[in-house]
Each structure stands twice: as C-alpha cells, then as structure tokens.
PDB file of N, CA and C in Angstrom:
ATOM      1  N   MET A   1     135.036 115.769  92.173  1.00  0.00           N
ATOM      2  CA  MET A   1     134.188 115.239  92.832  1.00  0.00           C
ATOM      3  C   MET A   1     134.292 114.258  94.434  1.00  0.00           C
ATOM      4  N   ARG A   2     135.145 113.353  94.148  1.00  0.00           N
ATOM      5  CA  ARG A   2     135.561 112.997  95.249  1.00  0.00           C
ATOM      6  C   ARG A   2     136.020 113.680  96.366  1.00  0.00           C
ATOM      7  N   GLU A   3     136.577 114.767  96.099  1.00  0.00           N
ATOM      8  CA  GLU A   3     137.386 115.681  97.147  1.00  0.00           C
ATOM      9  C   GLU A   3     136.055 116.483  97.653  1.00  0.00           C
ATOM     10  N   ASP A   4     135.196 116.848  96.886  1.00  0.00           N
ATOM     11  CA  ASP A   4     133.728 117.728  97.230  1.00  0.00           C
ATOM     12  C   ASP A   4     133.072 116.612  98.462  1.00  0.00           C
ATOM     13  N   HIS A   5     132.980 115.238  98.161  1.00  0.00           N
ATOM     14  CA  HIS A   5     132.365 114.546  98.995  1.00  0.00           C
ATOM     15  C   HIS A   5     133.184 114.639 100.624  1.00  0.00           C
ATOM     16  N   LYS A   6     134.358 114.333 100.425  1.00  0.00           N
ATOM     17  CA  LYS A   6     135.248 114.432 101.287  1.00  0.00           C
ATOM     18  C   LYS A   6     134.992 115.977 102.246  1.00  0.00           C
ATOM     19  N   ARG A   7     134.969 116.942 101.638  1.00  0.00           N
ATOM     20  CA  ARG A   7     135.044 118.253 102.065  1.00  0.00           C
ATOM     21  C   ARG A   7     133.539 118.460 102.610  1.00  0.00           C
ATOM     22  N   GLN A   8     132.423 118.009 102.313  1.00  0.00           N
ATOM     23  CA  GLN A   8     131.065 117.685 102.286  1.00  0.00           C
ATOM     24  C   GLN A   8     130.945 117.249 104.008  1.00  0.00           C
ATOM     25  N   ARG A   9     131.601 116.176 103.863  1.00  0.00           N
ATOM     26  CA  ARG A   9     131.520 115.108 104.837  1.00  0.00           C
ATOM     27  C   ARG A   9     132.339 115.612 106.281  1.00  0.00           C
ATOM     28  N   GLY A  10     133.375 116.366 106.029  1.00  0.00           N
ATOM     29  CA  GLY A  10     134.165 116.878 106.904  1.00  0.00           C
ATOM     30  C   GLY A  10     133.482 118.077 107.648  1.00  0.00           C
ATOM     31  N   ASP A  11     132.771 118.791 106.888  1.00  0.00           N
ATOM     32  CA  ASP A  11     131.819 119.705 107.482  1.00  0.00           C
ATOM     33  C   ASP A  11     130.701 119.351 108.439  1.00  0.00           C
ATOM     34  N   LEU A  12     130.313 118.297 108.381  1.00  0.00           N
ATOM     35  CA  LEU A  12     129.178 117.558 109.278  1.00  0.00           C
ATOM     36  C   LEU A  12     129.614 117.202 110.788  1.00  0.00           C
ATOM     37  N   PRO A  13     129.289 117.744 111.519  1.00  0.00           N
ATOM     38  CA  PRO A  13     129.765 117.416 113.004  1.00  0.00           C
ATOM     39  C   PRO A  13     129.523 115.786 113.328  1.00  0.00           C
ATOM     40  N   GLN A  14     130.486 115.476 114.146  1.00  0.00           N
ATOM     41  CA  GLN A  14     130.451 114.154 114.228  1.00  0.00           C
ATOM     42  C   GLN A  14     129.339 113.472 115.430  1.00  0.00           C
ATOM     43  N   LYS A  15     129.123 114.452 116.205  1.00  0.00           N
ATOM     44  CA  LYS A  15     128.065 114.020 117.271  1.00  0.00           C
ATOM     45  C   LYS A  15     126.923 115.092 117.069  1.00  0.00           C
ATOM     46  N   ILE A  16     125.976 114.514 117.593  1.00  0.00           N
ATOM     47  CA  ILE A  16     124.864 115.315 117.532  1.00  0.00           C
ATOM     48  C   ILE A  16     123.937 115.078 119.052  1.00  0.00           C
ATOM     49  N   LYS A  17     123.479 115.998 119.649  1.00  0.00           N
ATOM     50  CA  LYS A  17     122.778 115.236 120.698  1.00  0.00           C
ATOM     51  C   LYS A  17     121.324 115.062 120.273  1.00  0.00           C
ATOM     52  N   VAL A  18     120.351 114.285 120.904  1.00  0.00           N
ATOM     53  CA  VAL A  18     119.358 113.492 120.846  1.00  0.00           C
ATOM     54  C   VAL A  18     118.473 115.068 120.763  1.00  0.00           C
ATOM     55  N   ALA A  19     118.565 115.622 121.585  1.00  0.00           N
ATOM     56  CA  ALA A  19     117.473 116.968 121.604  1.00  0.00           C
ATOM     57  C   ALA A  19     117.426 117.847 120.346  1.00  0.00           C
ATOM     58  N   GLU A  20     118.745 117.969 119.944  1.00  0.00           N
ATOM     59  CA  GLU A  20     118.778 118.258 118.504  1.00  0.00           C
ATOM     60  C   GLU A  20     118.311 117.590 117.108  1.00  0.00           C
ATOM     61  N   LEU A  21     117.743 116.155 117.349  1.00  0.00           N
ATOM     62  CA  LEU A  21     117.095 115.663 116.395  1.00  0.00           C
ATOM     63  C   LEU A  21     115.454 116.042 116.004  1.00  0.00           C
ATOM     64  N   GLU A  22     115.235 115.804 114.610  1.00  0.00           N
ATOM     65  CA  GLU A  22     113.900 115.695 114.581  1.00  0.00           C
ATOM     66  C   GLU A  22     113.030 114.899 115.322  1.00  0.00           C
ATOM     67  N   GLU A  23     111.745 115.054 115.395  1.00  0.00           N
ATOM     68  CA  GLU A  23     111.204 114.094 116.206  1.00  0.00           C
ATOM     69  C   GLU A  23     111.019 112.726 115.617  1.00  0.00           C
ATOM     70  N   ASP A  24     110.970 112.369 114.102  1.00  0.00           N
ATOM     71  CA  ASP A  24     111.061 111.265 113.964  1.00  0.00           C
ATOM     72  C   ASP A  24     112.293 110.436 114.082  1.00  0.00           C
ATOM     73  N   ASP A  25     113.508 111.260 114.246  1.00  0.00           N
ATOM     74  CA  ASP A  25     114.691 110.543 114.682  1.00  0.00           C
ATOM     75  C   ASP A  25     115.075 110.181 115.546  1.00  0.00           C
ATOM     76  N   LYS A  26     114.042 110.635 116.591  1.00  0.00           N
ATOM     77  CA  LYS A  26     114.446 110.446 118.116  1.00  0.00           C
ATOM     78  C   LYS A  26     114.211 109.118 118.474  1.00  0.00           C
ATOM     79  N   LEU A  27     113.422 107.956 117.931  1.00  0.00           N
ATOM     80  CA  LEU A  27     113.098 106.918 118.505  1.00  0.00           C
ATOM     81  C   LEU A  27     114.195 106.285 118.104  1.00  0.00           C
ATOM     82  N   ASP A  28     115.126 106.282 116.875  1.00  0.00           N
ATOM     83  CA  ASP A  28     116.089 105.620 116.445  1.00  0.00           C
ATOM     84  C   ASP A  28     117.454 105.750 117.481  1.00  0.00           C
ATOM     85  N   ALA A  29     117.552 107.052 118.399  1.00  0.00           N
ATOM     86  CA  ALA A  29     118.547 107.458 119.034  1.00  0.00           C
ATOM     87  C   ALA A  29     118.206 106.390 120.580  1.00  0.00           C
ATOM     88  N   LEU A  30     117.513 105.720 120.618  1.00  0.00           N
ATOM     89  CA  LEU A  30     117.275 105.038 122.027  1.00  0.00           C
ATOM     90  C   LEU A  30     118.432 104.548 122.027  1.00  0.00           C
ATOM     91  N   PRO A  31     118.541 104.081 123.170  1.00  0.00           N
ATOM     92  CA  PRO A  31     119.647 102.940 123.628  1.00  0.00           C
ATOM     93  C   PRO A  31     119.340 101.685 123.205  1.00  0.00           C
ATOM     94  N   CYS A  32     120.314 100.984 123.036  1.00  0.00           N
ATOM     95  CA  CYS A  32     119.817  99.440 122.256  1.00  0.00           C
ATOM     96  C   CYS A  32     118.875  98.833 122.984  1.00  0.00           C
ATOM     97  N   SER A  33     118.993  98.674 124.397  1.00  0.00           N
ATOM     98  CA  SER A  33     117.955  97.991 125.320  1.00  0.00           C
ATOM     99  C   SER A  33     116.661  98.405 125.113  1.00  0.00           C
ATOM    100  N   GLU A  34     116.478  99.813 125.137  1.00  0.00           N
ATOM    101  CA  GLU A  34     114.990 100.409 124.762  1.00  0.00           C
ATOM    102  C   GLU A  34     114.663 100.176 123.388  1.00  0.00           C
ATOM    103  N   ARG A  35     115.314 100.254 122.494  1.00  0.00           N
ATOM    104  CA  ARG A  35     115.012  99.799 121.270  1.00  0.00           C
ATOM    105  C   ARG A  35     114.434  98.342 121.101  1.00  0.00           C
ATOM    106  N   LEU A  36     115.235  97.725 121.551  1.00  0.00           N
ATOM    107  CA  LEU A  36     114.702  96.050 121.722  1.00  0.00           C
ATOM    108  C   LEU A  36     113.671  95.681 122.126  1.00  0.00           C
ATOM    109  N   LEU A  37     113.486  96.531 123.517  1.00  0.00           N
ATOM    110  CA  LEU A  37     111.983  96.396 123.835  1.00  0.00           C
ATOM    111  C   LEU A  37     110.883  97.051 123.146  1.00  0.00           C
ATOM    112  N   LEU A  38     110.764  97.967 122.357  1.00  0.00           N
ATOM    113  CA  LEU A  38     110.190  98.430 121.554  1.00  0.00           C
ATOM    114  C   LEU A  38     109.909  97.560 120.143  1.00  0.00           C
ATOM    115  N   ASP A  39     111.097  97.014 119.830  1.00  0.00           N
ATOM    116  CA  ASP A  39     110.986  95.904 118.608  1.00  0.00           C
ATOM    117  C   ASP A  39     110.163  94.603 118.776  1.00  0.00           C
ATOM    118  N   ILE A  40     110.225  94.247 120.492  1.00  0.00           N
ATOM    119  CA  ILE A  40     109.492  92.965 120.760  1.00  0.00           C
ATOM    120  C   ILE A  40     107.964  93.400 120.753  1.00  0.00           C
ATOM    121  N   ILE A  41     107.718  94.658 121.317  1.00  0.00           N
ATOM    122  CA  ILE A  41     106.226  95.077 121.504  1.00  0.00           C
ATOM    123  C   ILE A  41     105.941  95.161 120.107  1.00  0.00           C
ATOM    124  N   ARG A  42     106.375  95.557 119.081  1.00  0.00           N
ATOM    125  CA  ARG A  42     106.156  95.869 117.727  1.00  0.00           C
ATOM    126  C   ARG A  42     105.698  94.160 116.976  1.00  0.00           C
ATOM    127  N   MET A  43     106.650  93.271 117.307  1.00  0.00           N
ATOM    128  CA  MET A  43     106.295  92.059 116.897  1.00  0.00           C
ATOM    129  C   MET A  43     105.076  91.425 117.432  1.00  0.00           C
ATOM    130  N   ILE A  44     104.935  91.829 118.742  1.00  0.00           N
ATOM    131  CA  ILE A  44     103.780  91.100 119.363  1.00  0.00           C
ATOM    132  C   ILE A  44     102.809  91.515 119.130  1.00  0.00           C
ATOM    133  N   VAL A  45     102.663  93.016 118.533  1.00  0.00           N
ATOM    134  CA  VAL A  45     101.445  93.357 118.241  1.00  0.00           C
ATOM    135  C   VAL A  45     100.986  92.916 116.963  1.00  0.00           C
ATOM    136  N   ASP A  46     102.436  92.444 115.894  1.00  0.00           N
ATOM    137  CA  ASP A  46     101.938  92.264 114.664  1.00  0.00           C
ATOM    138  C   ASP A  46     101.534  90.995 114.386  1.00  0.00           C
ATOM    139  N   LEU A  47     101.984  90.025 115.435  1.00  0.00           N
ATOM    140  CA  LEU A  47     101.738  88.875 115.261  1.00  0.00           C
ATOM    141  C   LEU A  47      99.950  88.740 115.912  1.00  0.00           C
ATOM    142  N   ALA A  48      99.807  89.523 117.125  1.00  0.00           N
ATOM    143  CA  ALA A  48      98.534  89.361 117.249  1.00  0.00           C
ATOM    144  C   ALA A  48      97.397  89.691 116.394  1.00  0.00           C
ATOM    145  N   GLU A  49      97.872  90.867 115.284  1.00  0.00           N
ATOM    146  CA  GLU A  49      97.148  91.252 114.218  1.00  0.00           C
ATOM    147  C   GLU A  49      97.008  90.209 113.284  1.00  0.00           C
ATOM    148  N   CYS A  50      97.919  89.409 113.026  1.00  0.00           N
ATOM    149  CA  CYS A  50      97.820  88.599 111.935  1.00  0.00           C
ATOM    150  C   CYS A  50      97.236  87.304 112.315  1.00  0.00           C
ATOM    151  N   ARG A  51      97.087  87.195 113.782  1.00  0.00           N
ATOM    152  CA  ARG A  51      96.219  86.105 114.079  1.00  0.00           C
ATOM    153  C   ARG A  51      94.837  86.288 114.190  1.00  0.00           C
ATOM    154  N   MET A  52      94.384  87.753 114.584  1.00  0.00           N
ATOM    155  CA  MET A  52      93.096  88.052 114.205  1.00  0.00           C
ATOM    156  C   MET A  52      92.513  88.176 112.895  1.00  0.00           C
ATOM    157  N   MET A  53      93.150  88.573 112.052  1.00  0.00           N
ATOM    158  CA  MET A  53      92.588  88.717 110.729  1.00  0.00           C
ATOM    159  C   MET A  53      91.901  87.834 109.715  1.00  0.00           C
ATOM    160  N   PRO A  54      92.221  86.484 110.163  1.00  0.00           N
ATOM    161  CA  PRO A  54      91.406  85.638 109.563  1.00  0.00           C
ATOM    162  C   PRO A  54      89.758  85.353 110.445  1.00  0.00           C
ATOM    163  N   ALA A  55      89.769  85.502 111.623  1.00  0.00           N
ATOM    164  CA  ALA A  55      88.194  86.017 112.021  1.00  0.00           C
ATOM    165  C   ALA A  55      87.768  87.096 111.747  1.00  0.00           C
ATOM    166  N   VAL A  56      88.532  88.389 111.453  1.00  0.00           N
ATOM    167  CA  VAL A  56      87.777  89.257 111.210  1.00  0.00           C
ATOM    168  C   VAL A  56      86.953  89.006 109.580  1.00  0.00           C
ATOM    169  N   ALA A  57      88.112  88.537 108.505  1.00  0.00           N
ATOM    170  CA  ALA A  57      87.948  88.066 107.629  1.00  0.00           C
ATOM    171  C   ALA A  57      86.692  87.124 107.277  1.00  0.00           C
ATOM    172  N   GLU A  58      86.335  86.220 108.329  1.00  0.00           N
ATOM    173  CA  GLU A  58      85.076  85.658 108.363  1.00  0.00           C
ATOM    174  C   GLU A  58      84.053  86.005 108.646  1.00  0.00           C
ATOM    175  N   VAL A  59      84.386  86.900 109.553  1.00  0.00           N
ATOM    176  CA  VAL A  59      82.839  88.054 110.052  1.00  0.00           C
ATOM    177  C   VAL A  59      82.561  88.801 108.598  1.00  0.00           C
ATOM    178  N   GLN A  60      83.515  89.340 108.220  1.00  0.00           N
ATOM    179  CA  GLN A  60      83.432  89.985 107.172  1.00  0.00           C
ATOM    180  C   GLN A  60      82.406  89.551 105.926  1.00  0.00           C
ATOM    181  N   GLY A  61      82.625  88.464 105.724  1.00  0.00           N
ATOM    182  CA  GLY A  61      82.375  87.566 104.633  1.00  0.00           C
ATOM    183  C   GLY A  61      83.228  87.999 103.306  1.00  0.00           C
ATOM    184  N   LYS A  62      82.654  88.340 102.252  1.00  0.00           N
ATOM    185  CA  LYS A  62      83.528  88.775 100.969  1.00  0.00           C
ATOM    186  C   LYS A  62      84.460  90.350 100.917  1.00  0.00           C
ATOM    187  N   LYS A  63      83.862  90.861 102.316  1.00  0.00           N
ATOM    188  CA  LYS A  63      84.554  92.066 102.254  1.00  0.00           C
ATOM    189  C   LYS A  63      86.004  92.282 102.221  1.00  0.00           C
ATOM    190  N   LYS A  64      86.874  93.216 101.671  1.00  0.00           N
ATOM    191  CA  LYS A  64      88.110  93.229 101.745  1.00  0.00           C
ATOM    192  C   LYS A  64      88.872  94.150 102.962  1.00  0.00           C
ATOM    193  N   CYS A  65      90.174  93.895 103.136  1.00  0.00           N
ATOM    194  CA  CYS A  65      90.976  94.324 103.790  1.00  0.00           C
ATOM    195  C   CYS A  65      90.390  94.063 105.381  1.00  0.00           C
ATOM    196  N   PRO A  66      90.670  92.759 106.161  1.00  0.00           N
ATOM    197  CA  PRO A  66      90.292  93.230 107.645  1.00  0.00           C
ATOM    198  C   PRO A  66      91.232  93.746 108.176  1.00  0.00           C
ATOM    199  N   ARG A  67      92.438  94.051 107.818  1.00  0.00           N
ATOM    200  CA  ARG A  67      93.611  94.857 108.352  1.00  0.00           C
ATOM    201  C   ARG A  67      92.945  96.343 108.656  1.00  0.00           C
ATOM    202  N   SER A  68      92.188  97.027 107.787  1.00  0.00           N
ATOM    203  CA  SER A  68      91.581  98.224 108.104  1.00  0.00           C
ATOM    204  C   SER A  68      90.631  98.107 109.590  1.00  0.00           C
ATOM    205  N   TYR A  69      90.044  97.044 109.332  1.00  0.00           N
ATOM    206  CA  TYR A  69      88.743  97.053 110.212  1.00  0.00           C
ATOM    207  C   TYR A  69      89.467  96.853 111.877  1.00  0.00           C
ATOM    208  N   LEU A  70      90.727  95.868 111.606  1.00  0.00           N
ATOM    209  CA  LEU A  70      91.363  96.047 113.180  1.00  0.00           C
ATOM    210  C   LEU A  70      91.937  97.150 113.339  1.00  0.00           C
ATOM    211  N   ALA A  71      92.728  98.000 112.640  1.00  0.00           N
ATOM    212  CA  ALA A  71      93.192  99.213 112.844  1.00  0.00           C
ATOM    213  C   ALA A  71      92.157 100.133 113.359  1.00  0.00           C
ATOM    214  N   GLU A  72      91.085 100.155 112.932  1.00  0.00           N
ATOM    215  CA  GLU A  72      89.860 100.909 113.433  1.00  0.00           C
ATOM    216  C   GLU A  72      89.484 100.460 114.941  1.00  0.00           C
ATOM    217  N   LEU A  73      89.606  98.931 115.262  1.00  0.00           N
ATOM    218  CA  LEU A  73      89.299  98.554 116.597  1.00  0.00           C
ATOM    219  C   LEU A  73      90.587  98.655 117.530  1.00  0.00           C
ATOM    220  N   PHE A  74      91.693  98.852 117.196  1.00  0.00           N
ATOM    221  CA  PHE A  74      92.648  99.043 118.039  1.00  0.00           C
ATOM    222  C   PHE A  74      92.720 100.884 118.321  1.00  0.00           C
ATOM    223  N   GLN A  75      92.274 101.537 117.449  1.00  0.00           N
ATOM    224  CA  GLN A  75      91.894 102.918 117.653  1.00  0.00           C
ATOM    225  C   GLN A  75      90.642 103.500 118.398  1.00  0.00           C
ATOM    226  N   SER A  76      90.163 102.695 118.926  1.00  0.00           N
ATOM    227  CA  SER A  76      88.636 102.886 119.224  1.00  0.00           C
ATOM    228  C   SER A  76      88.914 102.665 120.701  1.00  0.00           C
ATOM    229  N   VAL A  77      88.139 103.756 121.640  1.00  0.00           N
ATOM    230  CA  VAL A  77      87.821 103.587 123.291  1.00  0.00           C
ATOM    231  C   VAL A  77      87.608 102.572 123.500  1.00  0.00           C
ATOM    232  N   ALA A  78      88.243 102.364 125.042  1.00  0.00           N
ATOM    233  CA  ALA A  78      87.933 101.107 125.637  1.00  0.00           C
ATOM    234  C   ALA A  78      87.951 100.955 126.675  1.00  0.00           C
ATOM    235  N   ASP A  79      87.183 100.275 128.026  1.00  0.00           N
ATOM    236  CA  ASP A  79      87.703 100.384 129.171  1.00  0.00           C
ATOM    237  C   ASP A  79      88.280  99.283 129.409  1.00  0.00           C
ATOM    238  N   ILE A  80      89.157  99.147 130.326  1.00  0.00           N
ATOM    239  CA  ILE A  80      89.872  97.989 131.164  1.00  0.00           C
ATOM    240  C   ILE A  80      89.656  97.896 132.329  1.00  0.00           C
ATOM    241  N   ILE A  81      88.854  96.322 132.524  1.00  0.00           N
ATOM    242  CA  ILE A  81      88.121  96.531 133.550  1.00  0.00           C
ATOM    243  C   ILE A  81      89.350  95.076 134.351  1.00  0.00           C
ATOM    244  N   PRO A  82      89.800  95.296 135.322  1.00  0.00           N
ATOM    245  CA  PRO A  82      90.419  94.018 135.648  1.00  0.00           C
ATOM    246  C   PRO A  82      89.753  93.325 136.894  1.00  0.00           C
ATOM    247  N   GLU A  83      89.638  92.156 136.838  1.00  0.00           N
ATOM    248  CA  GLU A  83      88.955  91.098 138.099  1.00  0.00           C
ATOM    249  C   GLU A  83      90.007  90.386 138.755  1.00  0.00           C
ATOM    250  N   PRO A  84      90.634  90.578 139.809  1.00  0.00           N
ATOM    251  CA  PRO A  84      92.092  89.929 140.251  1.00  0.00           C
ATOM    252  C   PRO A  84      91.637  88.899 140.845  1.00  0.00           C
ATOM    253  N   LYS A  85      90.249  88.721 141.365  1.00  0.00           N
ATOM    254  CA  LYS A  85      89.978  87.538 142.026  1.00  0.00           C
ATOM    255  C   LYS A  85      89.607  86.248 141.224  1.00  0.00           C
ATOM    256  N   ASN A  86      88.821  86.633 139.870  1.00  0.00           N
ATOM    257  CA  ASN A  86      88.980  85.786 139.087  1.00  0.00           C
ATOM    258  C   ASN A  86      89.811  85.480 138.053  1.00  0.00           C
ATOM    259  N   GLY A  87      90.794  86.305 138.123  1.00  0.00           N
ATOM    260  CA  GLY A  87      91.900  86.212 136.993  1.00  0.00           C
ATOM    261  C   GLY A  87      91.427  86.717 135.500  1.00  0.00           C
ATOM    262  N   ILE A  88      90.580  87.413 135.540  1.00  0.00           N
ATOM    263  CA  ILE A  88      89.983  87.961 134.662  1.00  0.00           C
ATOM    264  C   ILE A  88      90.431  89.626 134.074  1.00  0.00           C
ATOM    265  N   LEU A  89      90.734  90.011 133.146  1.00  0.00           N
ATOM    266  CA  LEU A  89      91.025  91.097 132.464  1.00  0.00           C
ATOM    267  C   LEU A  89      89.914  91.608 131.431  1.00  0.00           C
ATOM    268  N   ARG A  90      88.839  92.345 131.657  1.00  0.00           N
ATOM    269  CA  ARG A  90      87.836  92.473 130.507  1.00  0.00           C
ATOM    270  C   ARG A  90      88.309  94.094 129.989  1.00  0.00           C
ATOM    271  N   VAL A  91      87.980  93.702 128.379  1.00  0.00           N
ATOM    272  CA  VAL A  91      88.173  95.043 127.608  1.00  0.00           C
ATOM    273  C   VAL A  91      86.963  95.266 127.430  1.00  0.00           C
ATOM    274  N   ARG A  92      86.355  96.400 127.462  1.00  0.00           N
ATOM    275  CA  ARG A  92      84.985  96.749 126.935  1.00  0.00           C
ATOM    276  C   ARG A  92      85.253  97.934 125.819  1.00  0.00           C
ATOM    277  N   ILE A  93      84.968  97.553 124.620  1.00  0.00           N
ATOM    278  CA  ILE A  93      85.275  98.449 123.304  1.00  0.00           C
ATOM    279  C   ILE A  93      83.774  99.593 123.582  1.00  0.00           C
ATOM    280  N   ILE A  94      83.916 100.684 123.565  1.00  0.00           N
ATOM    281  CA  ILE A  94      83.149 101.849 123.589  1.00  0.00           C
ATOM    282  C   ILE A  94      82.509 102.017 122.282  1.00  0.00           C
ATOM    283  N   GLY A  95      82.821 101.700 121.114  1.00  0.00           N
ATOM    284  CA  GLY A  95      82.697 102.080 119.535  1.00  0.00           C
ATOM    285  C   GLY A  95      83.631 102.344 118.484  1.00  0.00           C
ATOM    286  N   THR A  96      83.498 101.702 117.919  1.00  0.00           N
ATOM    287  CA  THR A  96      84.279 102.301 116.468  1.00  0.00           C
ATOM    288  C   THR A  96      83.957 103.435 115.968  1.00  0.00           C
ATOM    289  N   ALA A  97      84.546 103.926 114.891  1.00  0.00           N
ATOM    290  CA  ALA A  97      83.862 105.408 114.179  1.00  0.00           C
ATOM    291  C   ALA A  97      82.779 105.331 113.163  1.00  0.00           C
ATOM    292  N   SER A  98      82.418 103.796 112.933  1.00  0.00           N
ATOM    293  CA  SER A  98      81.615 103.579 111.758  1.00  0.00           C
ATOM    294  C   SER A  98      80.716 102.430 112.512  1.00  0.00           C
ATOM    295  N   GLY A  99      79.138 102.342 112.115  1.00  0.00           N
ATOM    296  CA  GLY A  99      78.401 101.413 112.182  1.00  0.00           C
ATOM    297  C   GLY A  99      78.926 100.027 111.723  1.00  0.00           C
ATOM    298  N   ALA A 100      79.393 100.066 110.568  1.00  0.00           N
ATOM    299  CA  ALA A 100      79.687  98.922 109.882  1.00  0.00           C
ATOM    300  C   ALA A 100      80.884  98.062 110.919  1.00  0.00           C
ATOM    301  N   GLY A 101      81.953  98.975 111.440  1.00  0.00           N
ATOM    302  CA  GLY A 101      82.728  98.378 112.106  1.00  0.00           C
ATOM    303  C   GLY A 101      82.198  97.976 113.570  1.00  0.00           C
ATOM    304  N   ASP A 102      81.359  98.772 114.197  1.00  0.00           N
ATOM    305  CA  ASP A 102      80.715  97.898 115.413  1.00  0.00           C
ATOM    306  C   ASP A 102      80.050  96.752 115.100  1.00  0.00           C
ATOM    307  N   ALA A 103      79.336  96.430 113.669  1.00  0.00           N
ATOM    308  CA  ALA A 103      78.738  95.400 113.692  1.00  0.00           C
ATOM    309  C   ALA A 103      79.746  94.000 113.539  1.00  0.00           C
ATOM    310  N   THR A 104      80.750  94.332 112.797  1.00  0.00           N
ATOM    311  CA  THR A 104      81.592  93.449 112.623  1.00  0.00           C
ATOM    312  C   THR A 104      82.329  93.053 113.855  1.00  0.00           C
ATOM    313  N   PHE A 105      82.643  93.849 114.424  1.00  0.00           N
ATOM    314  CA  PHE A 105      83.123  93.745 115.776  1.00  0.00           C
ATOM    315  C   PHE A 105      82.530  93.028 116.957  1.00  0.00           C
ATOM    316  N   THR A 106      81.316  93.533 116.937  1.00  0.00           N
ATOM    317  CA  THR A 106      80.232  92.911 117.893  1.00  0.00           C
ATOM    318  C   THR A 106      80.186  91.287 117.379  1.00  0.00           C
ATOM    319  N   LYS A 107      79.809  90.989 116.131  1.00  0.00           N
ATOM    320  CA  LYS A 107      79.921  89.408 115.875  1.00  0.00           C
ATOM    321  C   LYS A 107      81.222  88.872 116.167  1.00  0.00           C
ATOM    322  N   LEU A 108      82.188  89.429 115.837  1.00  0.00           N
ATOM    323  CA  LEU A 108      83.574  88.761 116.366  1.00  0.00           C
ATOM    324  C   LEU A 108      83.900  88.334 117.702  1.00  0.00           C
ATOM    325  N   LEU A 109      83.570  89.539 118.829  1.00  0.00           N
ATOM    326  CA  LEU A 109      83.816  89.232 119.831  1.00  0.00           C
ATOM    327  C   LEU A 109      82.865  88.626 120.625  1.00  0.00           C
ATOM    328  N   GLU A 110      81.512  88.609 119.592  1.00  0.00           N
ATOM    329  CA  GLU A 110      80.718  87.232 120.715  1.00  0.00           C
ATOM    330  C   GLU A 110      81.034  86.014 120.796  1.00  0.00           C
TER     331      GLU A 110
END
C-alpha cells in the first residue's frame, strides 16, 4: 500500500504552470503579496457587511436573513458620483431585483 502511494506521488509533476490550473485554483497561485491584498479586501468587505446587518435587521423588522438582503444590494446596479470639491462620493442605487429589497434599502439609506 505504501509503495503504491510512493509510486503515484512519483508520477505527479513537481511543478505546474499557472496557465495549466483550473480557473478555481488560479487565485491560490497568486504571489504572496497579491494574495495578501485580496485577503485584506475580503476582510474589509466582511467587516462592512457585519456592521450593516443590524441596521438592515432593524428596518426589516422580524424578517430573517439580513445577509441575503445585503447580498442583493451589493449585486445591484449603482452609479458612483464623485464630488471632489465637496469631498463627497455619492452612490446612487439604481434598484434591486425585488420590490421588497427596494423598500428595505430605501428606509435604510434614508
């Protein structure tokens, strides 16, 4: 049994090019500094989502799963309108996929 494993392991290439990887595996093949940047962005997004959930839950009332509403908001179409003179960055949400989502976020964003 052990010899079979050694033989199978010996048949595997020691190095593989990133271009030969499956699409899902390419992200893990990034250099360490780029992976670190992506991890930092993921942590910031997760923190922002966690901080927004209580406000969404409050607007929703007794409805469950504020995370699904936030996912819907994050996937909706929006315009980003910078106002450099005033130091403001406005984000205009065009709309979500459902009327219930629009109502929830209208109350939330007011």
